Amino acid sequence: MGRHASAPKKDRSQVEAALGEIGDQVEKLAAMTADSIKKAIDKALARRNTVLTIRVNEESNRKLSMLVDCGLFKSRSESAAFLIEEGIKSREDLFSRIKDKLETIEKIREEIKGIVGKT
């Protein structure tokens, strides 16, 4: 009976130790993830060289401010620049198709100029 009474305590301490180890791993992963995010942000912001003035709705403004409030960005401008770049990256297929169409349009314009110039 004494053996059974101590078994739950032993099991409990093993579970607590395992949970503590999992917690440590989660903390390390979170730190690595935060570091990766910070590096991506710094890289994206380093390439900024064009100033835009934009208007956003209140919901977007709140979300941009949240990114500043949690310390990811120094300003709403930085958070907006990052999100714009990430949005463009995520829709690269769309921009590729648009680029192809614009090239086709430019070829047609050149053909028309050639036709008009020959008349």
PDB file of N, CA and C in Angstrom:
ATOM      1  N   MET A   1       0.821  -1.178   0.000  1.00  0.00           N
ATOM      2  CA  MET A   1       0.000   0.000   0.000  1.00  0.00           C
ATOM      3  C   MET A   1       0.872   1.251   0.000  1.00  0.00           C
ATOM      4  N   GLY A   2       1.982   1.227   0.748  1.00  0.00           N
ATOM      5  CA  GLY A   2       2.893   2.356   0.786  1.00  0.00           C
ATOM      6  C   GLY A   2       3.477   2.639  -0.591  1.00  0.00           C
ATOM      7  N   ARG A   3       3.683   1.576  -1.375  1.00  0.00           N
ATOM      8  CA  ARG A   3       4.228   1.728  -2.715  1.00  0.00           C
ATOM      9  C   ARG A   3       3.246   2.442  -3.631  1.00  0.00           C
ATOM     10  N   HIS A   4       1.984   2.110  -3.516  1.00  0.00           N
ATOM     11  CA  HIS A   4       0.966   2.740  -4.339  1.00  0.00           C
ATOM     12  C   HIS A   4       0.727   4.190  -3.948  1.00  0.00           C
ATOM     13  N   ALA A   5       0.847   4.499  -2.678  1.00  0.00           N
ATOM     14  CA  ALA A   5       0.604   5.858  -2.215  1.00  0.00           C
ATOM     15  C   ALA A   5       1.675   6.811  -2.754  1.00  0.00           C
ATOM     16  N   SER A   6       2.932   6.334  -2.876  1.00  0.00           N
ATOM     17  CA  SER A   6       3.995   7.200  -3.361  1.00  0.00           C
ATOM     18  C   SER A   6       4.025   7.275  -4.888  1.00  0.00           C
ATOM     19  N   ALA A   7       3.420   6.330  -5.565  1.00  0.00           N
ATOM     20  CA  ALA A   7       3.438   6.315  -7.035  1.00  0.00           C
ATOM     21  C   ALA A   7       2.781   7.556  -7.633  1.00  0.00           C
ATOM     22  N   PRO A   8       1.618   7.975  -7.150  1.00  0.00           N
ATOM     23  CA  PRO A   8       1.034   9.187  -7.726  1.00  0.00           C
ATOM     24  C   PRO A   8       1.936  10.415  -7.538  1.00  0.00           C
ATOM     25  N   LYS A   9       2.619  10.523  -6.383  1.00  0.00           N
ATOM     26  CA  LYS A   9       3.515  11.648  -6.157  1.00  0.00           C
ATOM     27  C   LYS A   9       4.667  11.607  -7.151  1.00  0.00           C
ATOM     28  N   LYS A  10       5.199  10.403  -7.375  1.00  0.00           N
ATOM     29  CA  LYS A  10       6.307  10.241  -8.314  1.00  0.00           C
ATOM     30  C   LYS A  10       5.826  10.583  -9.726  1.00  0.00           C
ATOM     31  N   ASP A  11       4.662  10.059 -10.099  1.00  0.00           N
ATOM     32  CA  ASP A  11       4.104  10.364 -11.414  1.00  0.00           C
ATOM     33  C   ASP A  11       3.876  11.860 -11.577  1.00  0.00           C
ATOM     34  N   ARG A  12       3.373  12.481 -10.526  1.00  0.00           N
ATOM     35  CA  ARG A  12       3.092  13.913 -10.553  1.00  0.00           C
ATOM     36  C   ARG A  12       4.389  14.704 -10.743  1.00  0.00           C
ATOM     37  N   SER A  13       5.440  14.324 -10.064  1.00  0.00           N
ATOM     38  CA  SER A  13       6.703  15.055 -10.203  1.00  0.00           C
ATOM     39  C   SER A  13       7.301  14.836 -11.587  1.00  0.00           C
ATOM     40  N   GLN A  14       7.117  13.656 -12.157  1.00  0.00           N
ATOM     41  CA  GLN A  14       7.596  13.409 -13.520  1.00  0.00           C
ATOM     42  C   GLN A  14       6.810  14.255 -14.528  1.00  0.00           C
ATOM     43  N   VAL A  15       5.521  14.344 -14.312  1.00  0.00           N
ATOM     44  CA  VAL A  15       4.678  15.156 -15.189  1.00  0.00           C
ATOM     45  C   VAL A  15       5.072  16.627 -15.064  1.00  0.00           C
ATOM     46  N   GLU A  16       5.274  17.080 -13.831  1.00  0.00           N
ATOM     47  CA  GLU A  16       5.680  18.470 -13.623  1.00  0.00           C
ATOM     48  C   GLU A  16       7.029  18.754 -14.275  1.00  0.00           C
ATOM     49  N   ALA A  17       7.950  17.799 -14.171  1.00  0.00           N
ATOM     50  CA  ALA A  17       9.269  17.974 -14.791  1.00  0.00           C
ATOM     51  C   ALA A  17       9.129  18.023 -16.313  1.00  0.00           C
ATOM     52  N   ALA A  18       8.305  17.129 -16.849  1.00  0.00           N
ATOM     53  CA  ALA A  18       8.093  17.112 -18.301  1.00  0.00           C
ATOM     54  C   ALA A  18       7.434  18.410 -18.765  1.00  0.00           C
ATOM     55  N   LEU A  19       6.455  18.886 -18.017  1.00  0.00           N
ATOM     56  CA  LEU A  19       5.797  20.152 -18.362  1.00  0.00           C
ATOM     57  C   LEU A  19       6.773  21.315 -18.273  1.00  0.00           C
ATOM     58  N   GLY A  20       7.631  21.285 -17.277  1.00  0.00           N
ATOM     59  CA  GLY A  20       8.644  22.331 -17.149  1.00  0.00           C
ATOM     60  C   GLY A  20       9.586  22.328 -18.336  1.00  0.00           C
ATOM     61  N   GLU A  21       9.966  21.118 -18.773  1.00  0.00           N
ATOM     62  CA  GLU A  21      10.853  20.998 -19.941  1.00  0.00           C
ATOM     63  C   GLU A  21      10.149  21.490 -21.205  1.00  0.00           C
ATOM     64  N   ILE A  22       8.891  21.137 -21.357  1.00  0.00           N
ATOM     65  CA  ILE A  22       8.115  21.624 -22.511  1.00  0.00           C
ATOM     66  C   ILE A  22       8.014  23.141 -22.466  1.00  0.00           C
ATOM     67  N   GLY A  23       7.752  23.684 -21.305  1.00  0.00           N
ATOM     68  CA  GLY A  23       7.674  25.136 -21.146  1.00  0.00           C
ATOM     69  C   GLY A  23       8.984  25.805 -21.538  1.00  0.00           C
ATOM     70  N   ASP A  24      10.113  25.202 -21.130  1.00  0.00           N
ATOM     71  CA  ASP A  24      11.422  25.752 -21.505  1.00  0.00           C
ATOM     72  C   ASP A  24      11.605  25.741 -23.012  1.00  0.00           C
ATOM     73  N   GLN A  25      11.189  24.653 -23.661  1.00  0.00           N
ATOM     74  CA  GLN A  25      11.317  24.537 -25.117  1.00  0.00           C
ATOM     75  C   GLN A  25      10.427  25.563 -25.826  1.00  0.00           C
ATOM     76  N   VAL A  26       9.218  25.752 -25.299  1.00  0.00           N
ATOM     77  CA  VAL A  26       8.302  26.736 -25.880  1.00  0.00           C
ATOM     78  C   VAL A  26       8.900  28.139 -25.759  1.00  0.00           C
ATOM     79  N   GLU A  27       9.495  28.440 -24.599  1.00  0.00           N
ATOM     80  CA  GLU A  27      10.134  29.751 -24.414  1.00  0.00           C
ATOM     81  C   GLU A  27      11.272  29.945 -25.413  1.00  0.00           C
ATOM     82  N   LYS A  28      12.093  28.912 -25.602  1.00  0.00           N
ATOM     83  CA  LYS A  28      13.204  29.007 -26.560  1.00  0.00           C
ATOM     84  C   LYS A  28      12.682  29.214 -27.977  1.00  0.00           C
ATOM     85  N   LEU A  29      11.634  28.476 -28.337  1.00  0.00           N
ATOM     86  CA  LEU A  29      11.038  28.610 -29.664  1.00  0.00           C
ATOM     87  C   LEU A  29      10.448  30.007 -29.855  1.00  0.00           C
ATOM     88  N   ALA A  30       9.784  30.508 -28.837  1.00  0.00           N
ATOM     89  CA  ALA A  30       9.206  31.856 -28.917  1.00  0.00           C
ATOM     90  C   ALA A  30      10.306  32.894 -29.090  1.00  0.00           C
ATOM     91  N   ALA A  31      11.405  32.741 -28.374  1.00  0.00           N
ATOM     92  CA  ALA A  31      12.520  33.685 -28.495  1.00  0.00           C
ATOM     93  C   ALA A  31      13.128  33.621 -29.892  1.00  0.00           C
ATOM     94  N   MET A  32      13.288  32.399 -30.416  1.00  0.00           N
ATOM     95  CA  MET A  32      13.836  32.237 -31.769  1.00  0.00           C
ATOM     96  C   MET A  32      12.880  32.834 -32.800  1.00  0.00           C
ATOM     97  N   THR A  33      11.588  32.617 -32.624  1.00  0.00           N
ATOM     98  CA  THR A  33      10.588  33.153 -33.545  1.00  0.00           C
ATOM     99  C   THR A  33      10.595  34.676 -33.500  1.00  0.00           C
ATOM    100  N   ALA A  34      10.638  35.234 -32.310  1.00  0.00           N
ATOM    101  CA  ALA A  34      10.679  36.691 -32.168  1.00  0.00           C
ATOM    102  C   ALA A  34      11.931  37.250 -32.836  1.00  0.00           C
ATOM    103  N   ASP A  35      13.055  36.560 -32.678  1.00  0.00           N
ATOM    104  CA  ASP A  35      14.299  37.005 -33.307  1.00  0.00           C
ATOM    105  C   ASP A  35      14.189  36.945 -34.827  1.00  0.00           C
ATOM    106  N   SER A  36      13.597  35.877 -35.350  1.00  0.00           N
ATOM    107  CA  SER A  36      13.404  35.748 -36.793  1.00  0.00           C
ATOM    108  C   SER A  36      12.493  36.842 -37.322  1.00  0.00           C
ATOM    109  N   ILE A  37      11.427  37.121 -36.604  1.00  0.00           N
ATOM    110  CA  ILE A  37      10.493  38.179 -37.011  1.00  0.00           C
ATOM    111  C   ILE A  37      11.212  39.520 -37.003  1.00  0.00           C
ATOM    112  N   LYS A  38      11.994  39.774 -35.965  1.00  0.00           N
ATOM    113  CA  LYS A  38      12.728  41.040 -35.865  1.00  0.00           C
ATOM    114  C   LYS A  38      13.696  41.195 -37.033  1.00  0.00           C
ATOM    115  N   LYS A  39      14.398  40.128 -37.392  1.00  0.00           N
ATOM    116  CA  LYS A  39      15.334  40.190 -38.517  1.00  0.00           C
ATOM    117  C   LYS A  39      14.593  40.460 -39.826  1.00  0.00           C
ATOM    118  N   ALA A  40      13.458  39.811 -40.024  1.00  0.00           N
ATOM    119  CA  ALA A  40      12.664  40.032 -41.241  1.00  0.00           C
ATOM    120  C   ALA A  40      12.161  41.469 -41.291  1.00  0.00           C
ATOM    121  N   ILE A  41      11.740  41.979 -40.152  1.00  0.00           N
ATOM    122  CA  ILE A  41      11.256  43.364 -40.083  1.00  0.00           C
ATOM    123  C   ILE A  41      12.390  44.333 -40.405  1.00  0.00           C
ATOM    124  N   ASP A  42      13.534  44.128 -39.770  1.00  0.00           N
ATOM    125  CA  ASP A  42      14.675  45.013 -40.009  1.00  0.00           C
ATOM    126  C   ASP A  42      15.087  44.991 -41.481  1.00  0.00           C
ATOM    127  N   LYS A  43      15.083  43.811 -42.070  1.00  0.00           N
ATOM    128  CA  LYS A  43      15.448  43.676 -43.484  1.00  0.00           C
ATOM    129  C   LYS A  43      14.444  44.418 -44.371  1.00  0.00           C
ATOM    130  N   ALA A  44      13.180  44.246 -44.097  1.00  0.00           N
ATOM    131  CA  ALA A  44      12.142  44.910 -44.892  1.00  0.00           C
ATOM    132  C   ALA A  44      12.218  46.424 -44.747  1.00  0.00           C
ATOM    133  N   LEU A  45      12.442  46.892 -43.545  1.00  0.00           N
ATOM    134  CA  LEU A  45      12.465  48.330 -43.308  1.00  0.00           C
ATOM    135  C   LEU A  45      13.740  48.983 -43.841  1.00  0.00           C
ATOM    136  N   ALA A  46      14.815  48.247 -43.915  1.00  0.00           N
ATOM    137  CA  ALA A  46      16.079  48.806 -44.404  1.00  0.00           C
ATOM    138  C   ALA A  46      15.988  49.217 -45.867  1.00  0.00           C
ATOM    139  N   ARG A  47      15.134  48.579 -46.625  1.00  0.00           N
ATOM    140  CA  ARG A  47      15.034  48.845 -48.057  1.00  0.00           C
ATOM    141  C   ARG A  47      14.045  49.969 -48.385  1.00  0.00           C
ATOM    142  N   ARG A  48      13.434  50.559 -47.396  1.00  0.00           N
ATOM    143  CA  ARG A  48      12.448  51.605 -47.670  1.00  0.00           C
ATOM    144  C   ARG A  48      13.136  52.879 -48.114  1.00  0.00           C
ATOM    145  N   ASN A  49      12.688  53.432 -49.233  1.00  0.00           N
ATOM    146  CA  ASN A  49      13.265  54.689 -49.678  1.00  0.00           C
ATOM    147  C   ASN A  49      12.244  55.578 -50.386  1.00  0.00           C
ATOM    148  N   THR A  50      10.994  55.186 -50.406  1.00  0.00           N
ATOM    149  CA  THR A  50       9.945  55.985 -51.031  1.00  0.00           C
ATOM    150  C   THR A  50       8.907  56.345 -49.974  1.00  0.00           C
ATOM    151  N   VAL A  51       8.550  57.614 -49.945  1.00  0.00           N
ATOM    152  CA  VAL A  51       7.565  58.091 -48.973  1.00  0.00           C
ATOM    153  C   VAL A  51       6.188  58.091 -49.637  1.00  0.00           C
ATOM    154  N   LEU A  52       5.206  57.513 -48.946  1.00  0.00           N
ATOM    155  CA  LEU A  52       3.809  57.523 -49.389  1.00  0.00           C
ATOM    156  C   LEU A  52       2.953  58.105 -48.276  1.00  0.00           C
ATOM    157  N   THR A  53       1.937  58.812 -48.660  1.00  0.00           N
ATOM    158  CA  THR A  53       0.942  59.252 -47.696  1.00  0.00           C
ATOM    159  C   THR A  53      -0.321  58.471 -48.008  1.00  0.00           C
ATOM    160  N   ILE A  54      -0.832  57.754 -47.004  1.00  0.00           N
ATOM    161  CA  ILE A  54      -2.016  56.923 -47.244  1.00  0.00           C
ATOM    162  C   ILE A  54      -3.067  57.199 -46.180  1.00  0.00           C
ATOM    163  N   ARG A  55      -4.286  56.879 -46.532  1.00  0.00           N
ATOM    164  CA  ARG A  55      -5.390  56.938 -45.574  1.00  0.00           C
ATOM    165  C   ARG A  55      -5.854  55.510 -45.336  1.00  0.00           C
ATOM    166  N   VAL A  56      -6.120  55.202 -44.083  1.00  0.00           N
ATOM    167  CA  VAL A  56      -6.616  53.873 -43.734  1.00  0.00           C
ATOM    168  C   VAL A  56      -7.873  54.031 -42.890  1.00  0.00           C
ATOM    169  N   ASN A  57      -8.672  52.974 -42.835  1.00  0.00           N
ATOM    170  CA  ASN A  57      -9.860  53.021 -41.985  1.00  0.00           C
ATOM    171  C   ASN A  57      -9.456  52.810 -40.522  1.00  0.00           C
ATOM    172  N   GLU A  58     -10.400  53.033 -39.619  1.00  0.00           N
ATOM    173  CA  GLU A  58     -10.106  52.953 -38.182  1.00  0.00           C
ATOM    174  C   GLU A  58      -9.632  51.562 -37.763  1.00  0.00           C
ATOM    175  N   GLU A  59     -10.228  50.525 -38.335  1.00  0.00           N
ATOM    176  CA  GLU A  59      -9.820  49.157 -37.982  1.00  0.00           C
ATOM    177  C   GLU A  59      -8.368  48.910 -38.362  1.00  0.00           C
ATOM    178  N   SER A  60      -7.981  49.323 -39.566  1.00  0.00           N
ATOM    179  CA  SER A  60      -6.585  49.166 -39.990  1.00  0.00           C
ATOM    180  C   SER A  60      -5.661  49.977 -39.095  1.00  0.00           C
ATOM    181  N   ASN A  61      -6.079  51.166 -38.741  1.00  0.00           N
ATOM    182  CA  ASN A  61      -5.281  52.015 -37.857  1.00  0.00           C
ATOM    183  C   ASN A  61      -5.071  51.344 -36.505  1.00  0.00           C
ATOM    184  N   ARG A  62      -6.132  50.743 -35.962  1.00  0.00           N
ATOM    185  CA  ARG A  62      -6.018  50.035 -34.680  1.00  0.00           C
ATOM    186  C   ARG A  62      -5.045  48.868 -34.793  1.00  0.00           C
ATOM    187  N   LYS A  63      -5.120  48.133 -35.895  1.00  0.00           N
ATOM    188  CA  LYS A  63      -4.223  46.976 -36.075  1.00  0.00           C
ATOM    189  C   LYS A  63      -2.768  47.440 -36.217  1.00  0.00           C
ATOM    190  N   LEU A  64      -2.546  48.515 -36.958  1.00  0.00           N
ATOM    191  CA  LEU A  64      -1.191  49.049 -37.094  1.00  0.00           C
ATOM    192  C   LEU A  64      -0.664  49.507 -35.734  1.00  0.00           C
ATOM    193  N   SER A  65      -1.523  50.145 -34.961  1.00  0.00           N
ATOM    194  CA  SER A  65      -1.137  50.600 -33.622  1.00  0.00           C
ATOM    195  C   SER A  65      -0.834  49.428 -32.699  1.00  0.00           C
ATOM    196  N   MET A  66      -1.558  48.332 -32.846  1.00  0.00           N
ATOM    197  CA  MET A  66      -1.299  47.140 -32.037  1.00  0.00           C
ATOM    198  C   MET A  66       0.130  46.649 -32.252  1.00  0.00           C
ATOM    199  N   LEU A  67       0.574  46.677 -33.506  1.00  0.00           N
ATOM    200  CA  LEU A  67       1.935  46.229 -33.813  1.00  0.00           C
ATOM    201  C   LEU A  67       2.983  47.147 -33.182  1.00  0.00           C
ATOM    202  N   VAL A  68       2.642  48.415 -33.070  1.00  0.00           N
ATOM    203  CA  VAL A  68       3.540  49.361 -32.403  1.00  0.00           C
ATOM    204  C   VAL A  68       3.494  49.128 -30.899  1.00  0.00           C
ATOM    205  N   ASP A  69       2.278  48.983 -30.360  1.00  0.00           N
ATOM    206  CA  ASP A  69       2.096  48.811 -28.918  1.00  0.00           C
ATOM    207  C   ASP A  69       2.797  47.570 -28.378  1.00  0.00           C
ATOM    208  N   CYS A  70       2.857  46.520 -29.178  1.00  0.00           N
ATOM    209  CA  CYS A  70       3.504  45.297 -28.690  1.00  0.00           C
ATOM    210  C   CYS A  70       5.014  45.325 -28.910  1.00  0.00           C
ATOM    211  N   GLY A  71       5.513  46.405 -29.528  1.00  0.00           N
ATOM    212  CA  GLY A  71       6.952  46.580 -29.642  1.00  0.00           C
ATOM    213  C   GLY A  71       7.592  46.052 -30.914  1.00  0.00           C
ATOM    214  N   LEU A  72       6.790  45.561 -31.845  1.00  0.00           N
ATOM    215  CA  LEU A  72       7.368  45.054 -33.089  1.00  0.00           C
ATOM    216  C   LEU A  72       7.890  46.176 -33.980  1.00  0.00           C
ATOM    217  N   PHE A  73       7.224  47.331 -33.926  1.00  0.00           N
ATOM    218  CA  PHE A  73       7.595  48.457 -34.778  1.00  0.00           C
ATOM    219  C   PHE A  73       7.662  49.726 -33.946  1.00  0.00           C
ATOM    220  N   LYS A  74       8.414  50.696 -34.450  1.00  0.00           N
ATOM    221  CA  LYS A  74       8.534  51.987 -33.768  1.00  0.00           C
ATOM    222  C   LYS A  74       7.395  52.923 -34.124  1.00  0.00           C
ATOM    223  N   SER A  75       6.750  52.671 -35.271  1.00  0.00           N
ATOM    224  CA  SER A  75       5.680  53.578 -35.713  1.00  0.00           C
ATOM    225  C   SER A  75       4.658  52.808 -36.555  1.00  0.00           C
ATOM    226  N   ARG A  76       3.498  53.447 -36.732  1.00  0.00           N
ATOM    227  CA  ARG A  76       2.485  52.857 -37.610  1.00  0.00           C
ATOM    228  C   ARG A  76       2.989  52.831 -39.043  1.00  0.00           C
ATOM    229  N   SER A  77       3.793  53.808 -39.402  1.00  0.00           N
ATOM    230  CA  SER A  77       4.372  53.843 -40.748  1.00  0.00           C
ATOM    231  C   SER A  77       5.232  52.605 -40.999  1.00  0.00           C
ATOM    232  N   GLU A  78       6.058  52.258 -40.022  1.00  0.00           N
ATOM    233  CA  GLU A  78       6.892  51.055 -40.163  1.00  0.00           C
ATOM    234  C   GLU A  78       6.031  49.803 -40.255  1.00  0.00           C
ATOM    235  N   SER A  79       5.002  49.724 -39.424  1.00  0.00           N
ATOM    236  CA  SER A  79       4.153  48.528 -39.456  1.00  0.00           C
ATOM    237  C   SER A  79       3.404  48.441 -40.786  1.00  0.00           C
ATOM    238  N   ALA A  80       2.951  49.579 -41.319  1.00  0.00           N
ATOM    239  CA  ALA A  80       2.257  49.583 -42.610  1.00  0.00           C
ATOM    240  C   ALA A  80       3.208  49.162 -43.730  1.00  0.00           C
ATOM    241  N   ALA A  81       4.436  49.685 -43.705  1.00  0.00           N
ATOM    242  CA  ALA A  81       5.413  49.328 -44.735  1.00  0.00           C
ATOM    243  C   ALA A  81       5.689  47.828 -44.722  1.00  0.00           C
ATOM    244  N   PHE A  82       5.837  47.271 -43.536  1.00  0.00           N
ATOM    245  CA  PHE A  82       6.090  45.835 -43.424  1.00  0.00           C
ATOM    246  C   PHE A  82       4.911  45.028 -43.963  1.00  0.00           C
ATOM    247  N   LEU A  83       3.704  45.402 -43.564  1.00  0.00           N
ATOM    248  CA  LEU A  83       2.522  44.660 -43.996  1.00  0.00           C
ATOM    249  C   LEU A  83       2.294  44.777 -45.502  1.00  0.00           C
ATOM    250  N   ILE A  84       2.588  45.937 -46.069  1.00  0.00           N
ATOM    251  CA  ILE A  84       2.458  46.090 -47.523  1.00  0.00           C
ATOM    252  C   ILE A  84       3.421  45.144 -48.229  1.00  0.00           C
ATOM    253  N   GLU A  85       4.674  45.143 -47.780  1.00  0.00           N
ATOM    254  CA  GLU A  85       5.661  44.256 -48.413  1.00  0.00           C
ATOM    255  C   GLU A  85       5.262  42.790 -48.273  1.00  0.00           C
ATOM    256  N   GLU A  86       4.809  42.400 -47.101  1.00  0.00           N
ATOM    257  CA  GLU A  86       4.388  41.012 -46.886  1.00  0.00           C
ATOM    258  C   GLU A  86       3.179  40.667 -47.751  1.00  0.00           C
ATOM    259  N   GLY A  87       2.251  41.606 -47.898  1.00  0.00           N
ATOM    260  CA  GLY A  87       1.079  41.376 -48.748  1.00  0.00           C
ATOM    261  C   GLY A  87       1.475  41.193 -50.201  1.00  0.00           C
ATOM    262  N   ILE A  88       2.408  42.004 -50.652  1.00  0.00           N
ATOM    263  CA  ILE A  88       2.878  41.878 -52.034  1.00  0.00           C
ATOM    264  C   ILE A  88       3.566  40.530 -52.240  1.00  0.00           C
ATOM    265  N   LYS A  89       4.406  40.144 -51.293  1.00  0.00           N
ATOM    266  CA  LYS A  89       5.080  38.834 -51.389  1.00  0.00           C
ATOM    267  C   LYS A  89       4.062  37.704 -51.446  1.00  0.00           C
ATOM    268  N   SER A  90       3.024  37.806 -50.629  1.00  0.00           N
ATOM    269  CA  SER A  90       2.048  36.714 -50.571  1.00  0.00           C
ATOM    270  C   SER A  90       1.195  36.621 -51.831  1.00  0.00           C
ATOM    271  N   ARG A  91       1.152  37.682 -52.632  1.00  0.00           N
ATOM    272  CA  ARG A  91       0.366  37.676 -53.872  1.00  0.00           C
ATOM    273  C   ARG A  91       1.263  37.808 -55.103  1.00  0.00           C
ATOM    274  N   GLU A  92       2.460  37.273 -55.017  1.00  0.00           N
ATOM    275  CA  GLU A  92       3.419  37.365 -56.111  1.00  0.00           C
ATOM    276  C   GLU A  92       2.843  36.817 -57.411  1.00  0.00           C
ATOM    277  N   ASP A  93       2.015  35.783 -57.315  1.00  0.00           N
ATOM    278  CA  ASP A  93       1.379  35.227 -58.522  1.00  0.00           C
ATOM    279  C   ASP A  93       0.515  36.267 -59.223  1.00  0.00           C
ATOM    280  N   LEU A  94      -0.227  37.048 -58.459  1.00  0.00           N
ATOM    281  CA  LEU A  94      -1.067  38.102 -59.022  1.00  0.00           C
ATOM    282  C   LEU A  94      -0.211  39.153 -59.719  1.00  0.00           C
ATOM    283  N   PHE A  95       0.846  39.608 -59.061  1.00  0.00           N
ATOM    284  CA  PHE A  95       1.697  40.635 -59.642  1.00  0.00           C
ATOM    285  C   PHE A  95       2.444  40.123 -60.871  1.00  0.00           C
ATOM    286  N   SER A  96       2.746  38.865 -60.896  1.00  0.00           N
ATOM    287  CA  SER A  96       3.375  38.272 -62.074  1.00  0.00           C
ATOM    288  C   SER A  96       2.423  38.305 -63.269  1.00  0.00           C
ATOM    289  N   ARG A  97       1.163  37.959 -63.040  1.00  0.00           N
ATOM    290  CA  ARG A  97       0.159  38.004 -64.115  1.00  0.00           C
ATOM    291  C   ARG A  97      -0.068  39.436 -64.587  1.00  0.00           C
ATOM    292  N   ILE A  98      -0.128  40.373 -63.655  1.00  0.00           N
ATOM    293  CA  ILE A  98      -0.305  41.786 -64.023  1.00  0.00           C
ATOM    294  C   ILE A  98       0.877  42.258 -64.858  1.00  0.00           C
ATOM    295  N   LYS A  99       2.078  41.886 -64.459  1.00  0.00           N
ATOM    296  CA  LYS A  99       3.273  42.277 -65.202  1.00  0.00           C
ATOM    297  C   LYS A  99       3.207  41.753 -66.633  1.00  0.00           C
ATOM    298  N   ASP A 100       2.806  40.488 -66.790  1.00  0.00           N
ATOM    299  CA  ASP A 100       2.677  39.907 -68.133  1.00  0.00           C
ATOM    300  C   ASP A 100       1.676  40.691 -68.980  1.00  0.00           C
ATOM    301  N   LYS A 101       0.551  41.036 -68.402  1.00  0.00           N
ATOM    302  CA  LYS A 101      -0.476  41.794 -69.140  1.00  0.00           C
ATOM    303  C   LYS A 101       0.024  43.185 -69.514  1.00  0.00           C
ATOM    304  N   LEU A 102       0.734  43.839 -68.598  1.00  0.00           N
ATOM    305  CA  LEU A 102       1.282  45.161 -68.898  1.00  0.00           C
ATOM    306  C   LEU A 102       2.310  45.097 -70.030  1.00  0.00           C
ATOM    307  N   GLU A 103       3.099  44.029 -70.052  1.00  0.00           N
ATOM    308  CA  GLU A 103       4.058  43.864 -71.153  1.00  0.00           C
ATOM    309  C   GLU A 103       3.325  43.678 -72.476  1.00  0.00           C
ATOM    310  N   THR A 104       2.223  42.928 -72.461  1.00  0.00           N
ATOM    311  CA  THR A 104       1.412  42.749 -73.672  1.00  0.00           C
ATOM    312  C   THR A 104       0.830  44.088 -74.124  1.00  0.00           C
ATOM    313  N   ILE A 105       0.322  44.855 -73.182  1.00  0.00           N
ATOM    314  CA  ILE A 105      -0.243  46.176 -73.501  1.00  0.00           C
ATOM    315  C   ILE A 105       0.829  47.065 -74.121  1.00  0.00           C
ATOM    316  N   GLU A 106       2.019  47.040 -73.571  1.00  0.00           N
ATOM    317  CA  GLU A 106       3.111  47.871 -74.107  1.00  0.00           C
ATOM    318  C   GLU A 106       3.475  47.447 -75.537  1.00  0.00           C
ATOM    319  N   LYS A 107       3.471  46.150 -75.817  1.00  0.00           N
ATOM    320  CA  LYS A 107       3.749  45.662 -77.178  1.00  0.00           C
ATOM    321  C   LYS A 107       2.673  46.164 -78.146  1.00  0.00           C
ATOM    322  N   ILE A 108       1.417  46.119 -77.720  1.00  0.00           N
ATOM    323  CA  ILE A 108       0.320  46.599 -78.572  1.00  0.00           C
ATOM    324  C   ILE A 108       0.474  48.095 -78.818  1.00  0.00           C
ATOM    325  N   ARG A 109       0.831  48.856 -77.807  1.00  0.00           N
ATOM    326  CA  ARG A 109       1.052  50.300 -77.983  1.00  0.00           C
ATOM    327  C   ARG A 109       2.146  50.559 -79.019  1.00  0.00           C
ATOM    328  N   GLU A 110       3.221  49.810 -78.915  1.00  0.00           N
ATOM    329  CA  GLU A 110       4.322  49.982 -79.860  1.00  0.00           C
ATOM    330  C   GLU A 110       3.878  49.634 -81.283  1.00  0.00           C
ATOM    331  N   GLU A 111       3.066  48.576 -81.424  1.00  0.00           N
ATOM    332  CA  GLU A 111       2.527  48.207 -82.748  1.00  0.00           C
ATOM    333  C   GLU A 111       1.668  49.333 -83.312  1.00  0.00           C
ATOM    334  N   ILE A 112       0.817  49.905 -82.463  1.00  0.00           N
ATOM    335  CA  ILE A 112      -0.064  51.000 -82.895  1.00  0.00           C
ATOM    336  C   ILE A 112       0.768  52.208 -83.316  1.00  0.00           C
ATOM    337  N   LYS A 113       1.784  52.540 -82.546  1.00  0.00           N
ATOM    338  CA  LYS A 113       2.676  53.658 -82.924  1.00  0.00           C
ATOM    339  C   LYS A 113       3.325  53.390 -84.270  1.00  0.00           C
ATOM    340  N   GLY A 114       3.687  52.136 -84.512  1.00  0.00           N
ATOM    341  CA  GLY A 114       4.294  51.749 -85.790  1.00  0.00           C
ATOM    342  C   GLY A 114       3.313  51.909 -86.934  1.00  0.00           C
ATOM    343  N   ILE A 115       2.072  51.519 -86.711  1.00  0.00           N
ATOM    344  CA  ILE A 115       1.018  51.622 -87.737  1.00  0.00           C
ATOM    345  C   ILE A 115       0.754  53.096 -88.030  1.00  0.00           C
ATOM    346  N   VAL A 116       0.594  53.880 -86.994  1.00  0.00           N
ATOM    347  CA  VAL A 116       0.296  55.305 -87.162  1.00  0.00           C
ATOM    348  C   VAL A 116       1.474  56.009 -87.835  1.00  0.00           C
ATOM    349  N   GLY A 117       2.676  55.646 -87.501  1.00  0.00           N
ATOM    350  CA  GLY A 117       3.860  56.261 -88.080  1.00  0.00           C
ATOM    351  C   GLY A 117       4.023  55.954 -89.553  1.00  0.00           C
ATOM    352  N   LYS A 118       3.469  54.845 -90.036  1.00  0.00           N
ATOM    353  CA  LYS A 118       3.595  54.444 -91.436  1.00  0.00           C
ATOM    354  C   LYS A 118       2.567  55.137 -92.307  1.00  0.00           C
ATOM    355  N   THR A 119       1.543  55.700 -91.733  1.00  0.00           N
ATOM    356  CA  THR A 119       0.471  56.302 -92.532  1.00  0.00           C
ATOM    357  C   THR A 119       0.777  57.662 -93.020  1.00  0.00           C
TER     358      THR A 119
END
